[in-house]
Amino acid sequence: MDEVVGMAWSDKISFEEIKKKTGLSEKEVICLMRSTLKKKSYIIWRKRVRGRSSKHRKKNKKKFNYYEF
């Protein structure tokens, strides 16, 4: 559980990568973070993640198409 929380906090690891490594979907990660973190920490995390393209591979691909072969 601590590993998933650490991956969720990281800006470099997308929800898709978390799903590959742990099998947890984005909604499941959000529920885990809500139940694990203090209320204020959860709110801060959600604000950071909500608009961040690096947490969503689909949004990130549009920006960095030239990395795919």
PDB file of N, CA and C in Angstrom:
ATOM      1  N   MET A   1       0.829  -1.187   0.000  1.00  0.00           N
ATOM      2  CA  MET A   1       0.000   0.000   0.000  1.00  0.00           C
ATOM      3  C   MET A   1       0.875   1.252   0.000  1.00  0.00           C
ATOM      4  N   ASP A   2       1.954   1.232   0.782  1.00  0.00           N
ATOM      5  CA  ASP A   2       2.840   2.393   0.824  1.00  0.00           C
ATOM      6  C   ASP A   2       3.478   2.659  -0.534  1.00  0.00           C
ATOM      7  N   GLU A   3       3.768   1.582  -1.261  1.00  0.00           N
ATOM      8  CA  GLU A   3       4.371   1.725  -2.581  1.00  0.00           C
ATOM      9  C   GLU A   3       3.412   2.409  -3.552  1.00  0.00           C
ATOM     10  N   VAL A   4       2.151   2.055  -3.481  1.00  0.00           N
ATOM     11  CA  VAL A   4       1.143   2.666  -4.363  1.00  0.00           C
ATOM     12  C   VAL A   4       0.993   4.142  -4.024  1.00  0.00           C
ATOM     13  N   VAL A   5       0.974   4.468  -2.749  1.00  0.00           N
ATOM     14  CA  VAL A   5       0.863   5.871  -2.333  1.00  0.00           C
ATOM     15  C   VAL A   5       2.069   6.649  -2.850  1.00  0.00           C
ATOM     16  N   GLY A   6       3.255   6.075  -2.746  1.00  0.00           N
ATOM     17  CA  GLY A   6       4.461   6.735  -3.243  1.00  0.00           C
ATOM     18  C   GLY A   6       4.408   6.959  -4.745  1.00  0.00           C
ATOM     19  N   MET A   7       3.940   5.962  -5.486  1.00  0.00           N
ATOM     20  CA  MET A   7       3.811   6.115  -6.939  1.00  0.00           C
ATOM     21  C   MET A   7       2.774   7.170  -7.286  1.00  0.00           C
ATOM     22  N   ALA A   8       1.683   7.215  -6.529  1.00  0.00           N
ATOM     23  CA  ALA A   8       0.632   8.200  -6.793  1.00  0.00           C
ATOM     24  C   ALA A   8       1.131   9.621  -6.517  1.00  0.00           C
ATOM     25  N   TRP A   9       1.984   9.805  -5.522  1.00  0.00           N
ATOM     26  CA  TRP A   9       2.530  11.121  -5.215  1.00  0.00           C
ATOM     27  C   TRP A   9       3.530  11.573  -6.268  1.00  0.00           C
ATOM     28  N   SER A  10       4.209  10.623  -6.896  1.00  0.00           N
ATOM     29  CA  SER A  10       5.245  10.955  -7.872  1.00  0.00           C
ATOM     30  C   SER A  10       4.634  11.592  -9.114  1.00  0.00           C
ATOM     31  N   ASP A  11       5.255  12.663  -9.576  1.00  0.00           N
ATOM     32  CA  ASP A  11       4.773  13.340 -10.774  1.00  0.00           C
ATOM     33  C   ASP A  11       5.170  12.592 -12.037  1.00  0.00           C
ATOM     34  N   LYS A  12       6.174  11.752 -11.958  1.00  0.00           N
ATOM     35  CA  LYS A  12       6.701  11.079 -13.148  1.00  0.00           C
ATOM     36  C   LYS A  12       6.003   9.763 -13.465  1.00  0.00           C
ATOM     37  N   ILE A  13       5.205   9.247 -12.552  1.00  0.00           N
ATOM     38  CA  ILE A  13       4.541   7.967 -12.759  1.00  0.00           C
ATOM     39  C   ILE A  13       3.059   8.212 -13.058  1.00  0.00           C
ATOM     40  N   SER A  14       2.621   7.757 -14.228  1.00  0.00           N
ATOM     41  CA  SER A  14       1.226   7.975 -14.634  1.00  0.00           C
ATOM     42  C   SER A  14       0.321   6.912 -14.018  1.00  0.00           C
ATOM     43  N   PHE A  15      -0.980   7.190 -14.070  1.00  0.00           N
ATOM     44  CA  PHE A  15      -1.954   6.218 -13.564  1.00  0.00           C
ATOM     45  C   PHE A  15      -1.899   4.922 -14.375  1.00  0.00           C
ATOM     46  N   GLU A  16      -1.589   5.041 -15.659  1.00  0.00           N
ATOM     47  CA  GLU A  16      -1.482   3.854 -16.504  1.00  0.00           C
ATOM     48  C   GLU A  16      -0.331   2.952 -16.042  1.00  0.00           C
ATOM     49  N   GLU A  17       0.791   3.554 -15.659  1.00  0.00           N
ATOM     50  CA  GLU A  17       1.922   2.774 -15.155  1.00  0.00           C
ATOM     51  C   GLU A  17       1.585   2.118 -13.819  1.00  0.00           C
ATOM     52  N   ILE A  18       0.857   2.821 -12.977  1.00  0.00           N
ATOM     53  CA  ILE A  18       0.429   2.246 -11.694  1.00  0.00           C
ATOM     54  C   ILE A  18      -0.475   1.050 -11.952  1.00  0.00           C
ATOM     55  N   LYS A  19      -1.356   1.171 -12.946  1.00  0.00           N
ATOM     56  CA  LYS A  19      -2.249   0.056 -13.283  1.00  0.00           C
ATOM     57  C   LYS A  19      -1.451  -1.161 -13.756  1.00  0.00           C
ATOM     58  N   LYS A  20      -0.416  -0.932 -14.579  1.00  0.00           N
ATOM     59  CA  LYS A  20       0.409  -2.038 -15.064  1.00  0.00           C
ATOM     60  C   LYS A  20       1.138  -2.747 -13.926  1.00  0.00           C
ATOM     61  N   LYS A  21       1.656  -1.966 -12.978  1.00  0.00           N
ATOM     62  CA  LYS A  21       2.458  -2.534 -11.893  1.00  0.00           C
ATOM     63  C   LYS A  21       1.627  -3.165 -10.788  1.00  0.00           C
ATOM     64  N   THR A  22       0.464  -2.575 -10.500  1.00  0.00           N
ATOM     65  CA  THR A  22      -0.307  -3.030  -9.339  1.00  0.00           C
ATOM     66  C   THR A  22      -1.669  -3.609  -9.692  1.00  0.00           C
ATOM     67  N   GLY A  23      -2.183  -3.266 -10.872  1.00  0.00           N
ATOM     68  CA  GLY A  23      -3.512  -3.717 -11.257  1.00  0.00           C
ATOM     69  C   GLY A  23      -4.627  -2.812 -10.761  1.00  0.00           C
ATOM     70  N   LEU A  24      -4.283  -1.713 -10.115  1.00  0.00           N
ATOM     71  CA  LEU A  24      -5.285  -0.778  -9.591  1.00  0.00           C
ATOM     72  C   LEU A  24      -5.614   0.290 -10.632  1.00  0.00           C
ATOM     73  N   SER A  25      -6.884   0.522 -10.855  1.00  0.00           N
ATOM     74  CA  SER A  25      -7.304   1.568 -11.786  1.00  0.00           C
ATOM     75  C   SER A  25      -7.142   2.941 -11.128  1.00  0.00           C
ATOM     76  N   GLU A  26      -7.335   3.984 -11.933  1.00  0.00           N
ATOM     77  CA  GLU A  26      -7.230   5.347 -11.413  1.00  0.00           C
ATOM     78  C   GLU A  26      -8.227   5.579 -10.282  1.00  0.00           C
ATOM     79  N   LYS A  27      -9.459   5.112 -10.453  1.00  0.00           N
ATOM     80  CA  LYS A  27     -10.479   5.279  -9.404  1.00  0.00           C
ATOM     81  C   LYS A  27     -10.089   4.550  -8.128  1.00  0.00           C
ATOM     82  N   GLU A  28      -9.517   3.358  -8.272  1.00  0.00           N
ATOM     83  CA  GLU A  28      -9.094   2.591  -7.094  1.00  0.00           C
ATOM     84  C   GLU A  28      -7.935   3.275  -6.373  1.00  0.00           C
ATOM     85  N   VAL A  29      -7.024   3.876  -7.142  1.00  0.00           N
ATOM     86  CA  VAL A  29      -5.910   4.612  -6.539  1.00  0.00           C
ATOM     87  C   VAL A  29      -6.446   5.821  -5.782  1.00  0.00           C
ATOM     88  N   ILE A  30      -7.407   6.512  -6.362  1.00  0.00           N
ATOM     89  CA  ILE A  30      -8.005   7.679  -5.704  1.00  0.00           C
ATOM     90  C   ILE A  30      -8.676   7.259  -4.397  1.00  0.00           C
ATOM     91  N   CYS A  31      -9.412   6.152  -4.416  1.00  0.00           N
ATOM     92  CA  CYS A  31     -10.064   5.655  -3.195  1.00  0.00           C
ATOM     93  C   CYS A  31      -9.030   5.261  -2.145  1.00  0.00           C
ATOM     94  N   LEU A  32      -7.957   4.622  -2.585  1.00  0.00           N
ATOM     95  CA  LEU A  32      -6.891   4.238  -1.665  1.00  0.00           C
ATOM     96  C   LEU A  32      -6.252   5.471  -1.035  1.00  0.00           C
ATOM     97  N   MET A  33      -5.990   6.475  -1.843  1.00  0.00           N
ATOM     98  CA  MET A  33      -5.386   7.710  -1.327  1.00  0.00           C
ATOM     99  C   MET A  33      -6.342   8.392  -0.333  1.00  0.00           C
ATOM    100  N   ARG A  34      -7.629   8.388  -0.643  1.00  0.00           N
ATOM    101  CA  ARG A  34      -8.607   9.016   0.252  1.00  0.00           C
ATOM    102  C   ARG A  34      -8.633   8.319   1.604  1.00  0.00           C
ATOM    103  N   SER A  35      -8.570   6.990   1.594  1.00  0.00           N
ATOM    104  CA  SER A  35      -8.659   6.241   2.855  1.00  0.00           C
ATOM    105  C   SER A  35      -7.340   6.231   3.624  1.00  0.00           C
ATOM    106  N   THR A  36      -6.218   6.435   2.919  1.00  0.00           N
ATOM    107  CA  THR A  36      -4.900   6.354   3.548  1.00  0.00           C
ATOM    108  C   THR A  36      -4.419   7.701   4.085  1.00  0.00           C
ATOM    109  N   LEU A  37      -4.613   8.737   3.307  1.00  0.00           N
ATOM    110  CA  LEU A  37      -4.076  10.051   3.663  1.00  0.00           C
ATOM    111  C   LEU A  37      -4.997  10.802   4.620  1.00  0.00           C
ATOM    112  N   LYS A  38      -4.397  11.772   5.299  1.00  0.00           N
ATOM    113  CA  LYS A  38      -5.207  12.702   6.081  1.00  0.00           C
ATOM    114  C   LYS A  38      -6.014  13.547   5.100  1.00  0.00           C
ATOM    115  N   LYS A  39      -7.103  14.116   5.578  1.00  0.00           N
ATOM    116  CA  LYS A  39      -8.010  14.863   4.715  1.00  0.00           C
ATOM    117  C   LYS A  39      -7.293  15.981   3.953  1.00  0.00           C
ATOM    118  N   LYS A  40      -6.512  16.763   4.639  1.00  0.00           N
ATOM    119  CA  LYS A  40      -5.818  17.893   4.009  1.00  0.00           C
ATOM    120  C   LYS A  40      -4.788  17.405   2.989  1.00  0.00           C
ATOM    121  N   SER A  41      -4.072  16.330   3.319  1.00  0.00           N
ATOM    122  CA  SER A  41      -3.094  15.771   2.385  1.00  0.00           C
ATOM    123  C   SER A  41      -3.775  15.261   1.125  1.00  0.00           C
ATOM    124  N   TYR A  42      -4.929  14.621   1.290  1.00  0.00           N
ATOM    125  CA  TYR A  42      -5.679  14.125   0.141  1.00  0.00           C
ATOM    126  C   TYR A  42      -6.130  15.283  -0.757  1.00  0.00           C
ATOM    127  N   ILE A  43      -6.616  16.354  -0.164  1.00  0.00           N
ATOM    128  CA  ILE A  43      -7.073  17.517  -0.925  1.00  0.00           C
ATOM    129  C   ILE A  43      -5.915  18.122  -1.709  1.00  0.00           C
ATOM    130  N   ILE A  44      -4.763  18.247  -1.075  1.00  0.00           N
ATOM    131  CA  ILE A  44      -3.579  18.791  -1.749  1.00  0.00           C
ATOM    132  C   ILE A  44      -3.170  17.881  -2.911  1.00  0.00           C
ATOM    133  N   TRP A  45      -3.178  16.572  -2.689  1.00  0.00           N
ATOM    134  CA  TRP A  45      -2.807  15.617  -3.735  1.00  0.00           C
ATOM    135  C   TRP A  45      -3.772  15.705  -4.920  1.00  0.00           C
ATOM    136  N   ARG A  46      -5.079  15.762  -4.642  1.00  0.00           N
ATOM    137  CA  ARG A  46      -6.063  15.836  -5.717  1.00  0.00           C
ATOM    138  C   ARG A  46      -5.908  17.106  -6.546  1.00  0.00           C
ATOM    139  N   LYS A  47      -5.601  18.220  -5.885  1.00  0.00           N
ATOM    140  CA  LYS A  47      -5.391  19.469  -6.620  1.00  0.00           C
ATOM    141  C   LYS A  47      -4.183  19.348  -7.545  1.00  0.00           C
ATOM    142  N   ARG A  48      -3.125  18.689  -7.078  1.00  0.00           N
ATOM    143  CA  ARG A  48      -1.915  18.513  -7.879  1.00  0.00           C
ATOM    144  C   ARG A  48      -2.168  17.598  -9.065  1.00  0.00           C
ATOM    145  N   VAL A  49      -2.910  16.523  -8.852  1.00  0.00           N
ATOM    146  CA  VAL A  49      -3.084  15.484  -9.860  1.00  0.00           C
ATOM    147  C   VAL A  49      -4.146  15.842 -10.882  1.00  0.00           C
ATOM    148  N   ARG A  50      -5.156  16.545 -10.478  1.00  0.00           N
ATOM    149  CA  ARG A  50      -6.336  16.778 -11.317  1.00  0.00           C
ATOM    150  C   ARG A  50      -5.983  17.333 -12.699  1.00  0.00           C
ATOM    151  N   GLY A  51      -5.175  18.343 -12.788  1.00  0.00           N
ATOM    152  CA  GLY A  51      -4.881  18.948 -14.083  1.00  0.00           C
ATOM    153  C   GLY A  51      -3.530  18.572 -14.658  1.00  0.00           C
ATOM    154  N   ARG A  52      -2.848  17.663 -14.040  1.00  0.00           N
ATOM    155  CA  ARG A  52      -1.475  17.333 -14.437  1.00  0.00           C
ATOM    156  C   ARG A  52      -1.472  16.324 -15.583  1.00  0.00           C
ATOM    157  N   SER A  53      -0.891  16.715 -16.701  1.00  0.00           N
ATOM    158  CA  SER A  53      -0.873  15.824 -17.857  1.00  0.00           C
ATOM    159  C   SER A  53       0.081  14.658 -17.668  1.00  0.00           C
ATOM    160  N   SER A  54       1.089  14.804 -16.828  1.00  0.00           N
ATOM    161  CA  SER A  54       2.050  13.718 -16.635  1.00  0.00           C
ATOM    162  C   SER A  54       1.437  12.528 -15.904  1.00  0.00           C
ATOM    163  N   LYS A  55       0.334  12.723 -15.199  1.00  0.00           N
ATOM    164  CA  LYS A  55      -0.331  11.622 -14.513  1.00  0.00           C
ATOM    165  C   LYS A  55      -1.264  10.860 -15.448  1.00  0.00           C
ATOM    166  N   HIS A  56      -1.520  11.404 -16.626  1.00  0.00           N
ATOM    167  CA  HIS A  56      -2.396  10.768 -17.592  1.00  0.00           C
ATOM    168  C   HIS A  56      -1.638  10.607 -18.905  1.00  0.00           C
ATOM    169  N   ARG A  57      -1.273   9.395 -19.223  1.00  0.00           N
ATOM    170  CA  ARG A  57      -0.446   9.117 -20.391  1.00  0.00           C
ATOM    171  C   ARG A  57      -1.087   9.621 -21.686  1.00  0.00           C
ATOM    172  N   LYS A  58      -2.403   9.535 -21.819  1.00  0.00           N
ATOM    173  CA  LYS A  58      -3.062   9.976 -23.048  1.00  0.00           C
ATOM    174  C   LYS A  58      -2.843  11.474 -23.270  1.00  0.00           C
ATOM    175  N   LYS A  59      -2.944  12.263 -22.230  1.00  0.00           N
ATOM    176  CA  LYS A  59      -2.705  13.696 -22.353  1.00  0.00           C
ATOM    177  C   LYS A  59      -1.234  13.961 -22.632  1.00  0.00           C
ATOM    178  N   ASN A  60      -0.372  13.174 -22.023  1.00  0.00           N
ATOM    179  CA  ASN A  60       1.057  13.345 -22.159  1.00  0.00           C
ATOM    180  C   ASN A  60       1.538  12.999 -23.564  1.00  0.00           C
ATOM    181  N   LYS A  61       0.947  12.010 -24.219  1.00  0.00           N
ATOM    182  CA  LYS A  61       1.341  11.603 -25.564  1.00  0.00           C
ATOM    183  C   LYS A  61       1.127  12.721 -26.573  1.00  0.00           C
ATOM    184  N   LYS A  62       0.072  13.490 -26.397  1.00  0.00           N
ATOM    185  CA  LYS A  62      -0.208  14.571 -27.331  1.00  0.00           C
ATOM    186  C   LYS A  62       0.901  15.609 -27.311  1.00  0.00           C
ATOM    187  N   LYS A  63       1.478  15.836 -26.155  1.00  0.00           N
ATOM    188  CA  LYS A  63       2.545  16.814 -26.030  1.00  0.00           C
ATOM    189  C   LYS A  63       3.860  16.288 -26.581  1.00  0.00           C
ATOM    190  N   PHE A  64       4.128  15.009 -26.371  1.00  0.00           N
ATOM    191  CA  PHE A  64       5.439  14.454 -26.667  1.00  0.00           C
ATOM    192  C   PHE A  64       5.353  13.328 -27.691  1.00  0.00           C
ATOM    193  N   ASN A  65       4.735  13.572 -28.825  1.00  0.00           N
ATOM    194  CA  ASN A  65       4.591  12.569 -29.868  1.00  0.00           C
ATOM    195  C   ASN A  65       5.929  12.071 -30.403  1.00  0.00           C
ATOM    196  N   TYR A  66       6.926  12.913 -30.431  1.00  0.00           N
ATOM    197  CA  TYR A  66       8.190  12.569 -31.053  1.00  0.00           C
ATOM    198  C   TYR A  66       8.969  11.510 -30.282  1.00  0.00           C
ATOM    199  N   TYR A  67       8.569  11.141 -29.086  1.00  0.00           N
ATOM    200  CA  TYR A  67       9.251  10.088 -28.337  1.00  0.00           C
ATOM    201  C   TYR A  67       8.788   8.696 -28.738  1.00  0.00           C
ATOM    202  N   GLU A  68       7.652   8.589 -29.392  1.00  0.00           N
ATOM    203  CA  GLU A  68       7.119   7.276 -29.759  1.00  0.00           C
ATOM    204  C   GLU A  68       7.665   6.875 -31.120  1.00  0.00           C
ATOM    205  N   PHE A  69       7.959   5.602 -31.247  1.00  0.00           N
ATOM    206  CA  PHE A  69       8.491   5.083 -32.511  1.00  0.00           C
ATOM    207  C   PHE A  69       7.578   4.050 -33.078  1.00  0.00           C
TER     208      PHE A  69
END
